[in-house]
């Protein structure tokens, strides 16, 4: 076997090797500084996610169906399971004429609502809209503008609500007559506070907070809050990758679904944005490195497939990805199978990494940046309820920060650092929903490893 090649490392990488286990020394001016206004922005928490995978309704006549989130009334609508139904999974709602998909319960607060939509089969275009009620369903007002469905592939529509009261929502088909549309994956992102201490739904992918103050606005393309249902991220259009990704792992997240391995571009990014192709990293010497791992989403095929969208990937040095991070990811899952639940935030920053072909600053003709550092924070809780309020100064927090290089140790514990170290390097507030008095203690913790 030929000896390993050694490459000249950037100064920050050398310092990281020497000091990360004691204290990470961040670069003076990291490449990513997306959060200059984050203290003024709300931190979203996922209040509701409904994928219509549970429940059945085979006729268009009005009727109520109990799905995983609660009871919904479908009028001139049914639960579609055919090959002609556009769906993320095995089911979606199919709506005709001027049918509706209506919540029969309230949620507290909504910053944004996202809805996936497409035309059914070979039907023509239709328009539809979102309505909101703040009086228990007595009266409704339309949210934003009407949406046109014209494609057989699911697209995502985002509506800005910014209301902290008790709310329920309707999806209403407006035009198109007998043409049918499919509605799937309705996500309600609640309102929170970067000051922390509020309430958030258990198992929310953004329970810990919004690290960079990302917003679901196309005018914020390099800090775009993007909810993909099974994880939430701050997407950076100009880097072609996430700044960070946040997700929850509990025993219901894990199952026996095989790795789908279907890397693919995301057609639901805002119109006109570059969709990174599956082959973007080919020949570059870097792996398509998951942020939210495939292994953390093995309960359903749809959940696993969601992790192979290219906007969940970064160019990652092979040994970094296949050894160091693989071992850390597996350790996180062993914590879950041992009776815990974990909340995870992972991200990257800086430019320039060293893969199997040497050092590079970008791949895919410059369309995707190669990060210099890759980090992760894991908050560990025993199984239970009221998760945010169960986070105390004694809660275990694991933080690591690795250089994106191929000559890396396979032992992730060699790169343990503090949450504060990562915050200093990125400008983020990583536990922004946690009360400040508790967050300050957790930010300074240095975990003992496994």
Protein backbone atom coordinates (compact mmCIF):
# COMPACT_ATOMS: atom_id res chain seq x y z
CA UNK A 1 0.00 0.00 0.00
CA UNK A 2 1.44 3.36 -0.97
CA UNK A 3 1.98 5.90 1.84
CA UNK A 4 -0.69 8.50 2.38
CA UNK A 5 -0.16 11.84 0.74
CA UNK A 6 0.12 14.84 3.03
CA UNK A 7 -1.07 18.26 2.01
CA UNK A 8 -0.21 21.71 3.21
CA UNK A 9 -3.11 22.69 5.48
CA UNK A 10 -4.51 26.16 5.94
CA UNK A 11 -3.48 27.81 9.20
CA UNK A 12 -6.95 27.36 10.69
CA UNK A 13 -6.85 23.62 10.00
CA UNK A 14 -3.44 23.30 11.70
CA UNK A 15 -4.74 25.17 14.73
CA UNK A 16 -7.79 22.95 14.79
CA UNK A 17 -5.67 19.79 14.90
CA UNK A 18 -3.61 21.22 17.74
CA UNK A 19 -6.35 22.68 19.91
CA UNK A 20 -9.90 21.57 19.05
CA UNK A 21 -10.11 18.98 21.79
CA UNK A 22 -9.36 21.79 24.28
CA UNK A 23 -10.63 24.88 22.51
CA UNK A 24 -11.32 25.58 18.84
CA UNK A 25 -9.56 28.66 17.55
CA UNK A 26 -11.88 30.11 14.90
CA UNK A 27 -10.75 32.13 11.92
CA UNK A 28 -10.83 35.86 12.47
CA UNK A 29 -13.17 36.43 9.54
CA UNK A 30 -15.06 33.30 8.48
CA UNK A 31 -16.32 33.23 4.94
CA UNK A 32 -19.95 32.92 6.02
CA UNK A 33 -21.35 35.89 7.90
CA UNK A 34 -25.05 35.57 7.10
CA UNK A 35 -26.56 36.60 10.38
CA UNK A 36 -25.91 40.30 10.89
CA UNK A 37 -29.61 40.90 11.49
CA UNK A 38 -30.46 37.66 13.22
CA UNK A 39 -31.35 39.25 16.55
CA UNK A 40 -34.20 41.06 14.82
CA UNK A 41 -35.69 37.95 13.21
CA UNK A 42 -38.03 35.33 14.61
CA UNK A 43 -36.78 31.80 15.03
CA UNK A 44 -39.22 29.42 13.38
CA UNK A 45 -40.25 26.16 14.97
CA UNK A 46 -42.20 23.54 13.12
CA UNK A 47 -45.68 23.57 14.65
CA UNK A 48 -47.22 21.02 12.29
CA UNK A 49 -46.25 18.69 9.47
CA UNK A 50 -48.94 16.69 7.69
CA UNK A 51 -47.97 14.28 4.92
CA UNK A 52 -51.40 12.56 4.60
CA UNK A 53 -49.74 9.15 4.82
CA UNK A 54 -52.18 7.92 7.49
CA UNK A 55 -55.94 7.93 7.05
CA UNK A 56 -58.12 6.87 4.13
CA UNK A 57 -60.92 8.41 2.08
CA UNK A 58 -61.86 6.95 -1.29
CA UNK A 59 -64.82 9.15 -2.32
CA UNK A 60 -65.18 12.85 -3.13
CA UNK A 61 -68.21 13.37 -0.87
CA UNK A 62 -67.46 15.65 2.09
CA UNK A 63 -66.13 13.87 5.13
CA UNK A 64 -63.60 14.12 7.95
CA UNK A 65 -60.43 12.03 8.11
CA UNK A 66 -58.04 11.66 11.04
CA UNK A 67 -54.42 12.03 9.91
CA UNK A 68 -51.31 12.09 12.09
CA UNK A 69 -51.73 15.80 12.92
CA UNK A 70 -55.47 15.65 13.68
CA UNK A 71 -58.87 15.72 12.00
CA UNK A 72 -59.25 17.30 8.55
CA UNK A 73 -62.40 17.74 6.46
CA UNK A 74 -62.04 16.94 2.75
CA UNK A 75 -64.77 18.42 0.56
CA UNK A 76 -64.85 17.34 -3.09
CA UNK A 77 -61.54 15.69 -2.25
CA UNK A 78 -60.22 12.23 -1.43
CA UNK A 79 -56.98 10.54 -0.39
CA UNK A 80 -55.23 9.56 -3.60
CA UNK A 81 -53.02 6.49 -3.84
CA UNK A 82 -52.89 5.81 -7.58
CA UNK A 83 -49.89 6.05 -9.89
CA UNK A 84 -51.42 9.22 -11.36
CA UNK A 85 -51.47 11.00 -7.98
CA UNK A 86 -48.45 13.25 -7.46
CA UNK A 87 -47.26 12.43 -3.96
CA UNK A 88 -44.29 12.42 -1.63
CA UNK A 89 -44.74 8.91 -0.28
CA UNK A 90 -47.72 6.65 -0.92
CA UNK A 91 -50.61 9.12 -0.44
CA UNK A 92 -51.67 12.69 -1.08
CA UNK A 93 -54.98 14.55 -1.22
CA UNK A 94 -56.69 14.81 -4.60
CA UNK A 95 -59.03 17.80 -5.03
CA UNK A 96 -61.48 18.61 -7.86
CA UNK A 97 -63.93 21.42 -8.78
CA UNK A 98 -63.86 23.92 -5.88
CA UNK A 99 -62.96 21.38 -3.21
CA UNK A 100 -61.26 22.13 0.11
CA UNK A 101 -58.78 20.58 2.51
CA UNK A 102 -59.60 21.98 5.96
CA UNK A 103 -58.11 21.64 9.44
CA UNK A 104 -60.63 20.92 12.20
CA UNK A 105 -58.24 22.07 14.94
CA UNK A 106 -56.13 25.09 15.82
CA UNK A 107 -52.37 25.57 16.04
CA UNK A 108 -50.67 28.32 18.00
CA UNK A 109 -48.79 30.74 15.81
CA UNK A 110 -47.53 30.57 12.24
CA UNK A 111 -44.71 32.41 10.56
CA UNK A 112 -44.95 30.58 7.24
CA UNK A 113 -46.94 27.74 5.71
CA UNK A 114 -45.59 25.56 2.91
CA UNK A 115 -47.73 23.32 0.70
CA UNK A 116 -46.62 20.88 -2.00
CA UNK A 117 -48.87 20.78 -5.07
CA UNK A 118 -49.15 19.37 -8.60
CA UNK A 119 -51.76 18.50 -11.20
CA UNK A 120 -53.26 15.04 -11.14
CA UNK A 121 -52.34 12.76 -14.04
CA UNK A 122 -52.79 14.48 -17.40
CA UNK A 123 -55.31 17.07 -16.12
CA UNK A 124 -54.96 20.72 -17.07
CA UNK A 125 -53.93 23.61 -14.86
CA UNK A 126 -55.89 24.81 -11.83
CA UNK A 127 -55.51 27.58 -9.28
CA UNK A 128 -55.84 27.28 -5.52
CA UNK A 129 -55.11 29.28 -2.41
CA UNK A 130 -54.58 29.20 1.33
CA UNK A 131 -57.06 30.65 3.81
CA UNK A 132 -56.62 31.24 7.56
CA UNK A 133 -59.08 31.55 10.43
CA UNK A 134 -58.29 33.07 13.83
CA UNK A 135 -61.76 32.46 15.33
CA UNK A 136 -62.02 28.68 15.31
CA UNK A 137 -63.21 28.41 11.73
CA UNK A 138 -66.06 30.95 11.86
CA UNK A 139 -64.47 33.31 9.33
CA UNK A 140 -61.52 33.03 6.96
CA UNK A 141 -59.25 35.38 5.02
CA UNK A 142 -56.97 34.50 2.12
CA UNK A 143 -53.23 34.34 2.73
CA UNK A 144 -51.17 35.83 -0.09
CA UNK A 145 -52.00 35.23 -3.73
CA UNK A 146 -53.52 32.31 -5.61
CA UNK A 147 -51.18 29.56 -6.80
CA UNK A 148 -51.30 27.89 -10.20
CA UNK A 149 -50.63 24.17 -10.43
CA UNK A 150 -49.52 23.18 -13.92
CA UNK A 151 -46.86 20.50 -13.44
CA UNK A 152 -47.20 16.79 -12.67
CA UNK A 153 -44.18 17.10 -10.35
CA UNK A 154 -44.75 18.37 -6.83
CA UNK A 155 -43.70 21.98 -6.28
CA UNK A 156 -43.65 23.90 -3.00
CA UNK A 157 -45.66 27.07 -2.40
CA UNK A 158 -44.70 29.22 0.59
CA UNK A 159 -47.13 31.59 2.32
CA UNK A 160 -46.10 34.24 4.86
CA UNK A 161 -48.51 34.44 7.83
CA UNK A 162 -46.68 35.98 10.82
CA UNK A 163 -49.53 35.55 13.30
CA UNK A 164 -48.95 34.30 16.86
CA UNK A 165 -52.61 33.57 17.66
CA UNK A 166 -54.71 30.40 17.47
CA UNK A 167 -55.06 29.54 13.79
CA UNK A 168 -56.47 26.95 11.42
CA UNK A 169 -56.01 26.73 7.67
CA UNK A 170 -57.92 25.73 4.53
CA UNK A 171 -56.53 24.87 1.12
CA UNK A 172 -59.18 25.79 -1.47
CA UNK A 173 -59.24 24.98 -5.16
CA UNK A 174 -60.42 28.13 -6.95
CA UNK A 175 -60.53 27.38 -10.66
CA UNK A 176 -59.94 24.67 -13.21
CA UNK A 177 -63.34 22.99 -13.00
CA UNK A 178 -63.11 19.20 -13.09
CA UNK A 179 -59.31 19.33 -13.42
CA UNK A 180 -57.82 17.74 -10.34
CA UNK A 181 -54.82 18.74 -8.23
CA UNK A 182 -52.81 16.94 -5.58
CA UNK A 183 -51.96 18.55 -2.24
CA UNK A 184 -49.27 17.07 0.00
CA UNK A 185 -46.82 17.84 2.83
CA UNK A 186 -48.41 20.83 4.53
CA UNK A 187 -45.96 22.39 6.98
CA UNK A 188 -46.75 25.16 9.46
CA UNK A 189 -43.69 26.92 10.84
CA UNK A 190 -44.57 28.58 14.13
CA UNK A 191 -43.18 31.74 15.63
CA UNK A 192 -40.52 31.79 18.29
CA UNK A 193 -37.98 34.14 19.74
CA UNK A 194 -34.21 34.28 19.47
CA UNK A 195 -34.32 35.25 23.14
CA UNK A 196 -35.46 31.74 23.98
CA UNK A 197 -37.71 30.42 26.66
CA UNK A 198 -40.88 29.98 24.60
CA UNK A 199 -42.70 26.79 23.77
CA UNK A 200 -42.18 24.67 20.69
CA UNK A 201 -43.73 21.49 19.45
CA UNK A 202 -41.97 18.32 20.60
CA UNK A 203 -40.02 16.55 17.85
CA UNK A 204 -39.88 19.76 15.81
CA UNK A 205 -36.92 19.84 13.45
CA UNK A 206 -36.24 23.40 14.53
CA UNK A 207 -36.91 23.07 18.24
CA UNK A 208 -33.49 24.44 19.22
CA UNK A 209 -34.01 27.62 17.19
CA UNK A 210 -33.04 29.27 13.93
CA UNK A 211 -29.23 29.70 14.19
CA UNK A 212 -28.77 32.35 11.49
CA UNK A 213 -32.19 34.04 11.50
CA UNK A 214 -32.94 32.49 8.11
CA UNK A 215 -36.15 33.64 6.43
CA UNK A 216 -38.41 32.00 3.85
CA UNK A 217 -37.95 34.88 1.43
CA UNK A 218 -36.33 34.73 -1.99
CA UNK A 219 -34.88 38.17 -1.25
CA UNK A 220 -32.64 36.37 1.27
CA UNK A 221 -31.06 33.83 -1.12
CA UNK A 222 -27.95 33.05 0.90
CA UNK A 223 -29.81 32.52 4.18
CA UNK A 224 -33.07 31.03 2.88
CA UNK A 225 -35.19 29.11 5.39
CA UNK A 226 -36.25 25.96 3.58
CA UNK A 227 -38.46 23.35 5.21
CA UNK A 228 -38.14 19.97 3.51
CA UNK A 229 -40.48 18.22 5.93
CA UNK A 230 -37.98 15.74 7.31
CA UNK A 231 -35.40 18.44 8.09
CA UNK A 232 -35.12 22.23 7.88
CA UNK A 233 -32.19 24.17 6.54
CA UNK A 234 -30.72 27.54 5.78
CA UNK A 235 -29.94 27.21 2.08
CA UNK A 236 -27.23 29.28 0.44
CA UNK A 237 -28.05 29.76 -3.24
CA UNK A 238 -24.68 31.22 -4.17
CA UNK A 239 -22.72 28.40 -2.50
CA UNK A 240 -25.08 25.70 -3.83
CA UNK A 241 -25.40 24.05 -0.41
CA UNK A 242 -26.87 24.57 3.07
CA UNK A 243 -25.31 26.86 5.65
CA UNK A 244 -26.85 24.55 8.26
CA UNK A 245 -29.45 21.78 8.56
CA UNK A 246 -31.54 21.03 11.66
CA UNK A 247 -33.48 17.84 12.49
CA UNK A 248 -34.89 15.58 15.21
CA UNK A 249 -34.18 11.88 15.73
CA UNK A 250 -36.38 9.68 17.94
CA UNK A 251 -37.31 6.03 17.90
CA UNK A 252 -40.10 6.77 15.40
CA UNK A 253 -37.48 8.21 13.01
CA UNK A 254 -35.69 4.88 12.73
CA UNK A 255 -36.93 1.77 10.95
CA UNK A 256 -35.92 -0.85 8.43
CA UNK A 257 -36.10 1.10 5.15
CA UNK A 258 -33.06 0.51 2.93
CA UNK A 259 -30.87 3.37 1.78
CA UNK A 260 -32.57 4.74 -1.37
CA UNK A 261 -29.35 6.18 -2.85
CA UNK A 262 -31.33 8.33 -5.31
CA UNK A 263 -29.24 11.49 -5.34
CA UNK A 264 -31.13 14.15 -7.32
CA UNK A 265 -31.59 17.89 -7.82
CA UNK A 266 -34.40 19.64 -5.98
CA UNK A 267 -37.06 20.96 -8.40
CA UNK A 268 -38.84 22.78 -5.56
CA UNK A 269 -36.20 25.44 -5.02
CA UNK A 270 -37.46 28.94 -5.86
CA UNK A 271 -37.97 29.56 -9.55
CA UNK A 272 -34.79 30.49 -11.38
CA UNK A 273 -32.41 29.15 -8.72
CA UNK A 274 -29.73 26.72 -9.83
CA UNK A 275 -30.59 23.10 -9.06
CA UNK A 276 -27.38 21.25 -8.23
CA UNK A 277 -27.35 18.04 -10.31
CA UNK A 278 -26.67 14.58 -8.90
CA UNK A 279 -23.39 14.43 -10.85
CA UNK A 280 -22.08 17.77 -9.59
CA UNK A 281 -19.27 16.24 -7.52
CA UNK A 282 -18.23 13.57 -10.05
CA UNK A 283 -14.46 13.33 -10.47
CA UNK A 284 -13.84 16.05 -7.89
CA UNK A 285 -12.36 13.87 -5.17
CA UNK A 286 -15.18 14.81 -2.78
CA UNK A 287 -18.13 12.76 -1.59
CA UNK A 288 -21.73 13.88 -1.73
CA UNK A 289 -21.78 14.33 2.03
CA UNK A 290 -25.19 14.31 3.72
CA UNK A 291 -26.06 16.87 6.34
CA UNK A 292 -29.18 15.06 7.59
CA UNK A 293 -28.01 11.44 7.19
CA UNK A 294 -29.90 8.74 5.34
CA UNK A 295 -29.56 6.56 8.44
CA UNK A 296 -31.51 9.06 10.56
CA UNK A 297 -34.55 8.71 8.27
CA UNK A 298 -35.28 5.01 7.85
CA UNK A 299 -38.90 4.88 9.01
CA UNK A 300 -40.46 5.49 5.57
CA UNK A 301 -39.28 5.47 1.95
CA UNK A 302 -40.29 9.11 1.52
CA UNK A 303 -38.29 10.14 4.57
CA UNK A 304 -35.18 8.34 3.36
CA UNK A 305 -35.49 9.64 -0.18
CA UNK A 306 -35.75 13.21 1.12
CA UNK A 307 -32.18 13.00 2.43
CA UNK A 308 -30.80 12.42 -1.08
CA UNK A 309 -31.82 15.81 -2.42
CA UNK A 310 -28.67 17.65 -3.45
CA UNK A 311 -29.54 20.66 -1.28
CA UNK A 312 -28.86 18.37 1.71
CA UNK A 313 -25.29 17.77 0.44
CA UNK A 314 -21.86 19.35 0.76
CA UNK A 315 -18.59 18.37 -1.00
CA UNK A 316 -16.96 16.36 1.79
CA UNK A 317 -13.53 14.74 1.86
CA UNK A 318 -14.10 10.96 1.56
CA UNK A 319 -12.37 9.94 4.79
CA UNK A 320 -14.11 12.76 6.63
CA UNK A 321 -17.49 11.56 5.35
CA UNK A 322 -17.09 7.78 5.36
CA UNK A 323 -15.18 7.43 8.61
CA UNK A 324 -15.23 10.37 11.03
CA UNK A 325 -18.76 11.56 10.38
CA UNK A 326 -20.15 8.07 9.77
CA UNK A 327 -18.95 7.04 13.22
CA UNK A 328 -20.48 10.12 14.85
CA UNK A 329 -23.80 9.59 13.04
CA UNK A 330 -23.94 5.97 14.17
CA UNK A 331 -23.14 7.01 17.72
CA UNK A 332 -26.07 9.43 17.64
CA UNK A 333 -28.41 6.63 16.59
CA UNK A 334 -27.13 4.37 19.38
CA UNK A 335 -28.13 7.08 21.83
CA UNK A 336 -31.66 6.96 20.40
CA UNK A 337 -31.94 3.18 20.51
CA UNK A 338 -30.71 3.32 24.12
CA UNK A 339 -33.80 5.32 25.11
CA UNK A 340 -32.97 8.91 24.21
CA UNK A 341 -34.07 11.41 21.60
CA UNK A 342 -31.68 13.87 19.99
CA UNK A 343 -31.89 17.24 18.33
CA UNK A 344 -29.16 17.86 15.76
CA UNK A 345 -27.81 20.89 13.92
CA UNK A 346 -25.04 20.44 11.37
CA UNK A 347 -23.36 22.96 9.10
CA UNK A 348 -20.22 24.07 7.35
CA UNK A 349 -18.30 27.27 6.75
CA UNK A 350 -15.24 28.68 5.03
CA UNK A 351 -13.94 27.84 1.58
CA UNK A 352 -11.34 25.27 0.55
CA UNK A 353 -11.08 21.59 1.47
CA UNK A 354 -8.77 18.72 0.59
CA UNK A 355 -10.30 15.61 -0.98
CA UNK A 356 -8.77 12.56 -2.58
CA UNK A 357 -7.62 14.61 -5.59
CA UNK A 358 -6.10 17.46 -3.59
CA UNK A 359 -7.31 20.88 -2.47
CA UNK A 360 -10.20 22.69 -4.15
CA UNK A 361 -12.39 25.69 -3.39
CA UNK A 362 -15.34 24.63 -5.55
CA UNK A 363 -16.79 21.85 -7.72
CA UNK A 364 -19.18 21.69 -10.65
CA UNK A 365 -17.50 24.51 -12.52
CA UNK A 366 -17.60 26.83 -9.53
CA UNK A 367 -21.33 26.35 -8.84
CA UNK A 368 -20.82 24.59 -5.49
CA UNK A 369 -18.39 25.80 -2.81
CA UNK A 370 -16.15 23.34 -1.00
CA UNK A 371 -16.34 24.18 2.73
CA UNK A 372 -13.22 24.38 4.89
CA UNK A 373 -14.87 23.21 8.11
CA UNK A 374 -17.81 20.95 9.00
CA UNK A 375 -19.50 21.07 12.41
CA UNK A 376 -22.30 19.43 14.35
CA UNK A 377 -24.15 19.98 17.63
CA UNK A 378 -26.23 17.21 19.25
CA UNK A 379 -28.53 17.83 22.22
CA UNK A 380 -29.40 14.60 24.05
CA UNK A 381 -32.61 14.12 26.06
CA UNK A 382 -34.13 11.04 27.62
CA UNK A 383 -37.44 10.11 25.99
CA UNK A 384 -40.27 12.28 27.23
CA UNK A 385 -42.52 15.25 26.56
CA UNK A 386 -42.20 19.04 26.71
CA UNK A 387 -38.70 18.74 25.30
CA UNK A 388 -37.67 22.39 25.12
CA UNK A 389 -38.50 22.94 28.78
CA UNK A 390 -36.58 19.76 29.73
CA UNK A 391 -33.30 21.24 28.50
CA UNK A 392 -31.33 22.25 31.59
CA UNK A 393 -27.76 23.18 32.45
CA UNK A 394 -27.17 19.45 33.02
CA UNK A 395 -28.29 18.41 29.52
CA UNK A 396 -25.66 16.63 27.47
CA UNK A 397 -24.50 18.61 24.42
CA UNK A 398 -21.99 17.18 21.94
CA UNK A 399 -20.21 19.64 19.63
CA UNK A 400 -17.54 18.84 17.08
CA UNK A 401 -15.80 20.82 14.36
CA UNK A 402 -13.61 19.11 11.78
CA UNK A 403 -11.43 20.37 8.94
CA UNK A 404 -12.75 19.19 5.58
CA UNK A 405 -9.64 17.19 4.72
CA UNK A 406 -8.87 13.59 3.80
CA UNK A 407 -5.97 13.20 6.26
CA UNK A 408 -8.37 13.27 9.20
CA UNK A 409 -8.60 10.96 12.19
CA UNK A 410 -11.47 8.51 12.05
CA UNK A 411 -12.07 9.19 15.76
CA UNK A 412 -14.64 11.99 15.97
CA UNK A 413 -13.86 12.59 19.64
CA UNK A 414 -10.56 14.16 18.55
CA UNK A 415 -12.57 17.12 17.23
CA UNK A 416 -14.77 17.82 20.23
CA UNK A 417 -15.13 21.51 20.94
CA UNK A 418 -17.76 23.77 22.53
CA UNK A 419 -20.91 25.23 21.05
CA UNK A 420 -19.42 28.66 21.68
CA UNK A 421 -16.41 27.80 19.54
CA UNK A 422 -18.69 27.06 16.59
CA UNK A 423 -20.74 30.19 17.24
CA UNK A 424 -17.58 32.30 17.25
CA UNK A 425 -16.53 30.79 13.93
CA UNK A 426 -19.89 31.19 12.18
CA UNK A 427 -21.66 34.13 13.81
CA UNK A 428 -24.66 31.91 14.64
CA UNK A 429 -26.63 31.43 17.86
CA UNK A 430 -27.07 27.68 17.91
CA UNK A 431 -29.47 27.20 20.85
CA UNK A 432 -31.48 30.37 20.39
CA UNK A 433 -34.78 28.88 21.67
CA UNK A 434 -33.17 27.82 24.95
CA UNK A 435 -33.41 30.40 27.78
CA UNK A 436 -30.29 32.55 27.89
CA UNK A 437 -29.30 31.52 31.43
CA UNK A 438 -29.26 27.85 30.38
CA UNK A 439 -27.83 28.47 26.92
CA UNK A 440 -24.78 30.26 28.33
CA UNK A 441 -23.86 27.20 30.40
CA UNK A 442 -24.45 24.74 27.56
CA UNK A 443 -22.43 26.82 25.11
CA UNK A 444 -19.34 26.40 27.28
CA UNK A 445 -19.63 22.63 27.84
CA UNK A 446 -16.92 20.31 26.52
CA UNK A 447 -18.32 16.81 26.09
CA UNK A 448 -16.36 13.78 27.27
CA UNK A 449 -17.01 11.80 24.07
CA UNK A 450 -18.29 8.23 23.87
